[in-house]
Amino acid sequence: MEFNYSEEQLALQDTLQRFISRDYDFDKRRKFSASTLGYSAEAWSQFAELGLLALPFPEEYGGLGGNAVDVMLVMEQFGQGLLLEPYLSTVVTCGGLIRDAAPAPMKQQLLPQIAAGKLKIALAVYEAAGRYELSYVGCTAQDSGGSRRLSGRKTVVLDGASADYFLVSARNGGAVGDRDGISLFLVPRDAKGLTVAAYPTQSGARAADLLLENVTVGADALIGAPSRALPIIERAVDRAVAALCAEALGIINALNQATLNYLKTRKQFGVAIGTFQALKHKMADMLIAAEQSRSMAIIAAVHADSEDAADRHRAISAAKAYIGQSGRLVGQSAVQMHGGMGVVDELIVSHYFKRLTMIDLTFGDADYHLASFSDTLRPAKAS
């Protein structure tokens, strides 16, 4: 299948590349990461002006009506520039979930604000004992006179440090691990009983753990059908995984370019080390991994908007597993060929490798998705 970007997509790609080279170089990125906010508020405003924050939303809510392939283009550039802004959590994951499943008044309230860069939302659906299983929900939602009282803990909430709202999964029926009995609620950051413990991640971004102690939310905070929220959460996470595949692709390409440049300029025994046969072979392996990763990222993006949950999850798990393995190969090879300089904080190569490692661990690592994909190949059990 031939895959080419449209003229509009290529124009957007060019705009992003010029922005990153002009306003988001490596030194600035390090300053943004070390700041209290953890990213650039100015860059976030510029994303709003460029229409990036409105990209996947319908026009009726101030959006541009983009699809998952458009998001892939943006996330690939985010990867190459190692951008820190909460685009994945706010726009792709939570914004997409609200677009797909929230009641109309909530869409009308939240989506235009996200598009304008005035609102950030984080997904709080993972718990410490559940590892990557979205059905592992011990956080409870108890009826309280038409409202719900939420109690429990959520861990590693991406970009939770700067979020204005959280989408919190809580159980109002069934046992921990059951697919049924899970509901999803919109919880404001300043809700009484909510404690946010923020911390930096290894890749320079921010995350948070949440403690909910009898946090009361009204009936209008419910997203989707009560006790039936797991499918809409899984769909949002699938889209996020597809976007992460695109980000990883951008990093893999950037690492390949940085390594190739180094091989051409670093000399040993009076010649460029890129002339050594062993390093040529390793570089070839990295380039092959990049091309195969691009194919898998495209497959993930094409399937991300699919209504067939099983087909969507199978394709995206395959992409995440393969790109996780390719990212490790490329990252380790790049560090090795840079020698001791490959791990120093002053060189962007080490930061690329850290981010690739974090991407592999986010929303399920390569082993998890490989097992998930292999499970889809099993014949159905006879009833």
Protein backbone atom coordinates (compact mmCIF):
# COMPACT_ATOMS: atom_id res chain seq x y z
CA MET A 1 0.00 0.00 0.00
CA GLU A 2 1.33 3.45 -0.90
CA PHE A 3 1.19 5.96 1.93
CA ASN A 4 1.80 9.65 1.33
CA TYR A 5 0.92 12.76 3.30
CA SER A 6 -1.40 15.32 1.72
CA GLU A 7 -0.21 18.83 0.85
CA GLU A 8 -1.90 20.19 3.99
CA GLN A 9 -0.22 17.59 6.17
CA LEU A 10 3.18 18.31 4.62
CA ALA A 11 2.65 22.03 5.27
CA LEU A 12 1.85 21.29 8.92
CA GLN A 13 4.94 19.09 9.17
CA ASP A 14 7.11 21.87 7.75
CA THR A 15 5.63 24.40 10.18
CA LEU A 16 6.39 22.14 13.14
CA GLN A 17 9.93 21.49 11.97
CA ARG A 18 10.62 25.21 11.66
CA PHE A 19 9.12 25.88 15.10
CA ILE A 20 11.27 23.20 16.75
CA SER A 21 14.50 24.34 15.08
CA ARG A 22 13.81 28.00 15.91
CA ASP A 23 12.12 27.93 19.33
CA TYR A 24 12.70 24.50 20.86
CA ASP A 25 16.35 23.53 20.57
CA PHE A 26 17.98 21.12 23.02
CA ASP A 27 19.24 23.80 25.43
CA LYS A 28 15.79 25.38 25.67
CA ARG A 29 14.24 21.97 26.16
CA ARG A 30 16.51 21.32 29.15
CA LYS A 31 15.47 24.65 30.69
CA PHE A 32 11.78 23.87 30.17
CA SER A 33 12.22 20.47 31.80
CA ALA A 34 13.96 21.98 34.84
CA SER A 35 11.28 24.65 35.33
CA THR A 36 8.48 24.42 37.87
CA LEU A 37 5.89 23.77 35.17
CA GLY A 38 8.02 21.19 33.39
CA TYR A 39 7.28 22.45 29.88
CA SER A 40 6.87 25.72 27.97
CA ALA A 41 3.62 27.61 28.51
CA GLU A 42 4.55 29.81 25.57
CA ALA A 43 4.94 26.79 23.29
CA TRP A 44 1.54 25.49 24.44
CA SER A 45 -0.03 28.80 23.44
CA GLN A 46 1.69 28.64 20.07
CA PHE A 47 0.32 25.13 19.54
CA ALA A 48 -3.15 26.57 20.07
CA GLU A 49 -2.48 29.32 17.53
CA LEU A 50 -1.23 26.76 15.00
CA GLY A 51 -4.38 24.67 15.46
CA LEU A 52 -2.55 21.65 16.88
CA LEU A 53 -4.72 21.55 20.01
CA ALA A 54 -7.88 21.63 17.90
CA LEU A 55 -6.68 19.09 15.36
CA PRO A 56 -8.69 15.95 16.29
CA PHE A 57 -11.93 17.66 17.36
CA PRO A 58 -15.10 18.28 15.30
CA GLU A 59 -15.57 21.73 13.82
CA GLU A 60 -18.71 22.30 15.90
CA TYR A 61 -16.49 22.34 19.01
CA GLY A 62 -13.83 24.62 17.57
CA GLY A 63 -11.81 21.77 16.06
CA LEU A 64 -10.33 20.99 12.67
CA GLY A 65 -11.80 17.52 12.16
CA GLY A 66 -8.44 15.75 11.87
CA ASN A 67 -7.89 12.01 12.15
CA ALA A 68 -5.31 9.65 13.67
CA VAL A 69 -2.96 10.04 10.69
CA ASP A 70 -2.87 13.80 11.32
CA VAL A 71 -2.05 13.08 14.95
CA MET A 72 0.69 10.68 13.82
CA LEU A 73 2.32 13.48 11.83
CA VAL A 74 2.29 15.80 14.86
CA MET A 75 3.55 13.17 17.31
CA GLU A 76 6.42 12.18 15.00
CA GLN A 77 7.64 15.77 15.07
CA PHE A 78 7.14 15.89 18.84
CA GLY A 79 9.45 12.89 19.05
CA GLN A 80 12.16 14.44 16.91
CA GLY A 81 12.09 17.61 18.99
CA LEU A 82 11.64 15.81 22.35
CA LEU A 83 8.79 18.18 23.14
CA LEU A 84 7.54 18.13 26.75
CA GLU A 85 4.07 19.66 26.43
CA PRO A 86 1.05 17.53 27.52
CA TYR A 87 -0.28 17.03 23.99
CA LEU A 88 -0.63 13.26 24.28
CA SER A 89 -2.55 13.34 27.56
CA THR A 90 -4.75 16.39 27.01
CA VAL A 91 -5.50 16.40 23.28
CA VAL A 92 -5.05 12.83 22.05
CA THR A 93 -6.08 10.72 25.05
CA CYS A 94 -8.51 12.73 27.17
CA GLY A 95 -9.70 15.06 24.43
CA GLY A 96 -10.39 12.09 22.17
CA LEU A 97 -12.24 10.25 24.93
CA ILE A 98 -14.42 13.27 25.69
CA ARG A 99 -15.10 13.75 21.98
CA ASP A 100 -16.20 10.12 21.62
CA ALA A 101 -18.11 9.43 24.82
CA ALA A 102 -18.91 12.52 26.90
CA PRO A 103 -22.42 14.02 27.04
CA ALA A 104 -23.00 16.99 24.75
CA PRO A 105 -22.90 19.67 27.50
CA MET A 106 -19.50 18.41 28.67
CA LYS A 107 -18.15 18.42 25.10
CA GLN A 108 -19.40 21.95 24.61
CA GLN A 109 -17.77 23.05 27.85
CA LEU A 110 -14.39 21.34 27.56
CA LEU A 111 -13.38 20.78 23.94
CA PRO A 112 -13.28 24.46 22.88
CA GLN A 113 -11.19 25.25 25.97
CA ILE A 114 -8.74 22.45 25.14
CA ALA A 115 -8.51 23.71 21.56
CA ALA A 116 -7.77 27.21 22.83
CA GLY A 117 -5.01 25.99 25.15
CA LYS A 118 -6.92 27.04 28.27
CA LEU A 119 -7.51 23.60 29.75
CA LYS A 120 -5.44 20.49 30.40
CA ILE A 121 -6.77 17.06 31.37
CA ALA A 122 -5.00 13.87 32.48
CA LEU A 123 -6.14 10.24 32.42
CA ALA A 124 -6.13 8.55 35.85
CA VAL A 125 -6.98 4.88 35.20
CA TYR A 126 -3.97 2.85 36.40
CA GLU A 127 -3.43 1.48 39.90
CA ALA A 128 -0.25 0.17 41.50
CA ALA A 129 -1.23 -3.50 41.78
CA GLY A 130 -2.81 -3.64 38.34
CA ARG A 131 0.33 -3.08 36.26
CA TYR A 132 -1.05 -2.40 32.73
CA GLU A 133 -4.52 -3.91 33.20
CA LEU A 134 -7.22 -1.26 32.76
CA SER A 135 -9.83 -3.56 34.32
CA TYR A 136 -7.90 -3.61 37.60
CA VAL A 137 -9.87 -0.88 39.37
CA GLY A 138 -9.96 -0.83 43.16
CA CYS A 139 -10.98 2.82 43.40
CA THR A 140 -14.63 2.86 44.47
CA ALA A 141 -17.61 5.03 43.51
CA GLN A 142 -20.35 4.94 46.13
CA ASP A 143 -23.83 6.38 45.66
CA SER A 144 -24.50 9.42 47.80
CA GLY A 145 -27.93 10.91 47.17
CA GLY A 146 -27.59 11.31 43.42
CA SER A 147 -23.87 12.01 43.60
CA ARG A 148 -20.90 9.67 43.83
CA ARG A 149 -18.12 9.56 46.40
CA LEU A 150 -14.80 8.40 44.96
CA SER A 151 -12.14 6.79 47.15
CA GLY A 152 -8.87 5.14 46.15
CA ARG A 153 -5.46 5.70 44.59
CA LYS A 154 -4.29 6.20 41.02
CA THR A 155 -0.65 5.95 39.98
CA VAL A 156 1.58 7.37 37.23
CA VAL A 157 -0.95 9.83 35.89
CA LEU A 158 0.88 11.28 32.90
CA ASP A 159 1.06 15.10 32.99
CA GLY A 160 -1.00 15.01 36.17
CA ALA A 161 1.23 17.68 37.67
CA SER A 162 -0.27 20.41 35.46
CA ALA A 163 -3.77 19.03 34.78
CA ASP A 164 -6.86 21.11 35.54
CA TYR A 165 -9.11 18.02 35.46
CA PHE A 166 -8.68 14.27 35.72
CA LEU A 167 -10.63 11.47 34.08
CA VAL A 168 -10.85 8.93 36.91
CA SER A 169 -12.01 5.32 36.60
CA ALA A 170 -13.83 3.96 39.66
CA ARG A 171 -15.72 0.79 40.45
CA ASN A 172 -19.39 0.84 41.42
CA GLY A 173 -19.98 -2.88 40.97
CA GLY A 174 -18.28 -6.25 40.57
CA ALA A 175 -14.91 -7.42 41.82
CA VAL A 176 -11.51 -5.91 41.14
CA GLY A 177 -10.47 -7.17 37.70
CA ASP A 178 -14.01 -7.54 36.31
CA ARG A 179 -14.65 -5.77 33.01
CA ASP A 180 -18.12 -4.68 34.12
CA GLY A 181 -18.82 -2.33 37.00
CA ILE A 182 -16.35 0.43 36.00
CA SER A 183 -17.46 4.02 35.51
CA LEU A 184 -15.51 7.10 34.43
CA PHE A 185 -15.76 10.51 36.05
CA LEU A 186 -14.49 14.02 35.38
CA VAL A 187 -12.85 15.30 38.57
CA PRO A 188 -11.58 18.89 38.95
CA ARG A 189 -8.12 19.36 40.42
CA ASP A 190 -9.45 21.47 43.28
CA ALA A 191 -12.05 18.88 44.35
CA LYS A 192 -12.24 18.45 48.11
CA GLY A 193 -10.53 15.24 49.19
CA LEU A 194 -8.24 15.00 46.16
CA THR A 195 -4.48 15.02 46.77
CA VAL A 196 -2.06 15.27 43.85
CA ALA A 197 1.53 14.13 44.42
CA ALA A 198 3.57 15.27 41.41
CA TYR A 199 7.07 14.14 40.40
CA PRO A 200 9.42 14.21 37.38
CA THR A 201 9.85 11.17 35.15
CA GLN A 202 13.12 9.80 33.79
CA SER A 203 12.51 11.43 30.40
CA GLY A 204 12.14 14.92 31.86
CA ALA A 205 8.34 15.11 31.77
CA ARG A 206 5.96 15.12 34.77
CA ALA A 207 3.53 12.62 36.28
CA ALA A 208 1.52 12.36 39.48
CA ASP A 209 -0.14 9.95 41.89
CA LEU A 210 -3.66 10.70 43.06
CA LEU A 211 -5.24 10.01 46.43
CA LEU A 212 -9.03 10.31 46.48
CA GLU A 213 -10.71 10.43 49.89
CA ASN A 214 -14.49 10.68 49.55
CA VAL A 215 -14.26 13.02 46.57
CA THR A 216 -17.83 13.96 45.68
CA VAL A 217 -18.84 14.39 42.05
CA GLY A 218 -22.27 15.10 40.61
CA ALA A 219 -24.26 13.09 38.10
CA ASP A 220 -23.05 15.45 35.34
CA ALA A 221 -19.45 14.26 35.92
CA LEU A 222 -20.19 10.80 34.51
CA ILE A 223 -18.73 9.99 31.08
CA GLY A 224 -20.34 7.17 29.15
CA ALA A 225 -22.78 4.62 30.53
CA PRO A 226 -22.50 3.77 34.23
CA SER A 227 -20.62 0.51 34.88
CA ARG A 228 -19.73 0.25 31.16
CA ALA A 229 -16.76 2.60 30.87
CA LEU A 230 -14.00 0.08 30.15
CA PRO A 231 -14.50 -0.06 26.35
CA ILE A 232 -14.27 3.73 25.99
CA ILE A 233 -11.16 3.80 28.20
CA GLU A 234 -9.57 1.04 26.12
CA ARG A 235 -10.34 2.95 22.94
CA ALA A 236 -8.72 6.10 24.30
CA VAL A 237 -5.64 4.17 25.40
CA ASP A 238 -5.40 2.48 21.99
CA ARG A 239 -5.32 5.91 20.35
CA ALA A 240 -2.69 7.05 22.82
CA VAL A 241 -0.56 3.99 22.05
CA ALA A 242 -0.80 4.69 18.32
CA ALA A 243 0.35 8.26 19.00
CA LEU A 244 3.25 6.98 21.11
CA CYS A 245 4.31 4.74 18.23
CA ALA A 246 4.55 7.84 16.04
CA GLU A 247 6.53 9.71 18.70
CA ALA A 248 8.93 6.76 19.01
CA LEU A 249 9.34 6.77 15.22
CA GLY A 250 10.39 10.41 15.33
CA ILE A 251 12.97 9.66 18.02
CA ILE A 252 14.32 6.63 16.14
CA ASN A 253 14.82 8.75 13.02
CA ALA A 254 16.50 11.50 15.04
CA LEU A 255 18.84 9.01 16.71
CA ASN A 256 19.77 7.53 13.35
CA GLN A 257 20.57 10.97 11.94
CA ALA A 258 22.61 11.97 15.00
CA THR A 259 24.55 8.69 14.90
CA LEU A 260 25.22 8.93 11.16
CA ASN A 261 26.53 12.46 11.57
CA TYR A 262 28.79 11.31 14.39
CA LEU A 263 30.18 8.42 12.35
CA LYS A 264 31.04 10.83 9.53
CA THR A 265 32.90 13.29 11.77
CA ARG A 266 34.50 11.22 14.56
CA LYS A 267 37.93 10.04 13.52
CA GLN A 268 40.12 7.20 14.68
CA PHE A 269 43.44 6.12 13.16
CA GLY A 270 43.16 9.12 10.88
CA VAL A 271 39.85 8.13 9.23
CA ALA A 272 36.17 8.63 9.99
CA ILE A 273 34.85 5.73 12.09
CA GLY A 274 31.92 5.47 9.69
CA THR A 275 34.27 3.72 7.27
CA PHE A 276 34.64 0.74 9.63
CA GLN A 277 32.76 -2.29 8.34
CA ALA A 278 31.29 -3.32 11.70
CA LEU A 279 29.80 0.14 12.29
CA LYS A 280 28.41 0.23 8.76
CA HIS A 281 26.55 -3.01 9.44
CA LYS A 282 25.19 -1.72 12.74
CA MET A 283 24.06 1.51 11.11
CA ALA A 284 22.31 -0.49 8.39
CA ASP A 285 20.44 -2.47 11.06
CA MET A 286 19.30 0.80 12.65
CA LEU A 287 18.03 2.17 9.34
CA ILE A 288 16.14 -1.06 8.60
CA ALA A 289 14.56 -0.89 12.07
CA ALA A 290 13.48 2.69 11.36
CA GLU A 291 11.80 1.79 8.07
CA GLN A 292 10.00 -1.17 9.60
CA SER A 293 8.94 0.99 12.55
CA ARG A 294 7.48 3.53 10.13
CA SER A 295 5.36 0.81 8.54
CA MET A 296 4.11 -0.34 11.95
CA ALA A 297 3.38 3.24 13.07
CA ILE A 298 1.31 3.76 9.92
CA ILE A 299 -0.62 0.55 10.61
CA ALA A 300 -1.34 1.76 14.14
CA ALA A 301 -2.51 5.18 12.92
CA VAL A 302 -4.74 3.71 10.21
CA HIS A 303 -6.41 1.39 12.72
CA ALA A 304 -6.64 3.90 15.58
CA ASP A 305 -10.03 5.24 14.47
CA SER A 306 -11.50 1.79 13.79
CA GLU A 307 -14.83 0.92 15.41
CA ASP A 308 -13.83 -2.76 15.52
CA ALA A 309 -12.26 -2.95 19.00
CA ALA A 310 -10.61 -6.34 18.51
CA ASP A 311 -9.10 -5.44 15.14
CA ARG A 312 -7.94 -2.04 16.43
CA HIS A 313 -6.32 -3.42 19.56
CA ARG A 314 -4.61 -6.25 17.70
CA ALA A 315 -3.01 -3.91 15.15
CA ILE A 316 -1.95 -1.35 17.74
CA SER A 317 -0.52 -3.97 20.11
CA ALA A 318 1.51 -5.40 17.24
CA ALA A 319 2.89 -1.95 16.44
CA LYS A 320 3.69 -1.12 20.08
CA ALA A 321 5.48 -4.45 20.60
CA TYR A 322 7.56 -4.14 17.43
CA ILE A 323 8.45 -0.47 17.89
CA GLY A 324 9.36 -1.13 21.52
CA GLN A 325 11.89 -3.73 20.37
CA SER A 326 13.17 -1.54 17.53
CA GLY A 327 13.52 1.43 19.83
CA ARG A 328 15.71 -0.55 22.18
CA LEU A 329 17.91 -1.76 19.32
CA VAL A 330 18.33 1.72 17.86
CA GLY A 331 18.80 3.40 21.25
CA GLN A 332 21.41 0.94 22.48
CA SER A 333 23.25 1.00 19.15
CA ALA A 334 23.31 4.80 19.07
CA VAL A 335 24.69 5.00 22.61
CA GLN A 336 27.29 2.33 21.88
CA MET A 337 28.54 3.99 18.70
CA HIS A 338 28.77 7.37 20.45
CA GLY A 339 30.97 5.73 23.08
CA GLY A 340 31.14 7.39 26.49
CA MET A 341 29.50 10.53 25.10
CA GLY A 342 26.33 8.54 24.41
CA VAL A 343 25.28 8.58 28.06
CA VAL A 344 26.22 12.10 29.18
CA ASP A 345 23.45 14.53 30.05
CA GLU A 346 24.91 17.23 27.80
CA LEU A 347 24.31 15.18 24.64
CA ILE A 348 20.79 14.80 23.26
CA VAL A 349 21.39 11.13 22.41
CA SER A 350 21.00 10.07 26.04
CA HIS A 351 17.73 12.01 26.32
CA TYR A 352 16.38 10.37 23.17
CA PHE A 353 17.20 6.96 24.61
CA LYS A 354 15.55 7.80 27.94
CA ARG A 355 12.40 8.91 26.16
CA LEU A 356 12.32 5.76 24.01
CA THR A 357 12.60 3.69 27.19
CA MET A 358 9.75 5.61 28.81
CA ILE A 359 7.58 5.20 25.70
CA ASP A 360 8.13 1.45 25.80
CA LEU A 361 6.93 1.34 29.42
CA THR A 362 3.92 3.61 28.88
CA PHE A 363 0.51 1.95 28.37
CA GLY A 364 2.14 -1.49 28.25
CA ASP A 365 5.69 -2.49 27.35
CA ALA A 366 6.79 -4.63 24.41
CA ASP A 367 6.35 -7.89 26.33
CA TYR A 368 2.84 -6.94 27.46
CA HIS A 369 1.69 -6.04 23.95
CA LEU A 370 3.38 -9.05 22.42
CA ALA A 371 1.39 -11.26 24.81
CA SER A 372 -1.77 -9.26 24.06
CA PHE A 373 -1.26 -9.74 20.33
CA SER A 374 -0.53 -13.45 20.67
CA ASP A 375 -3.72 -13.91 22.69
CA THR A 376 -5.73 -12.69 19.70
CA LEU A 377 -4.28 -15.52 17.60
CA ARG A 378 -5.63 -18.22 19.89
CA PRO A 379 -8.74 -20.04 18.72
CA ALA A 380 -11.84 -19.16 20.71
CA LYS A 381 -12.66 -21.64 23.46
CA ALA A 382 -15.63 -23.87 22.82
CA SER A 383 -18.54 -23.01 25.08
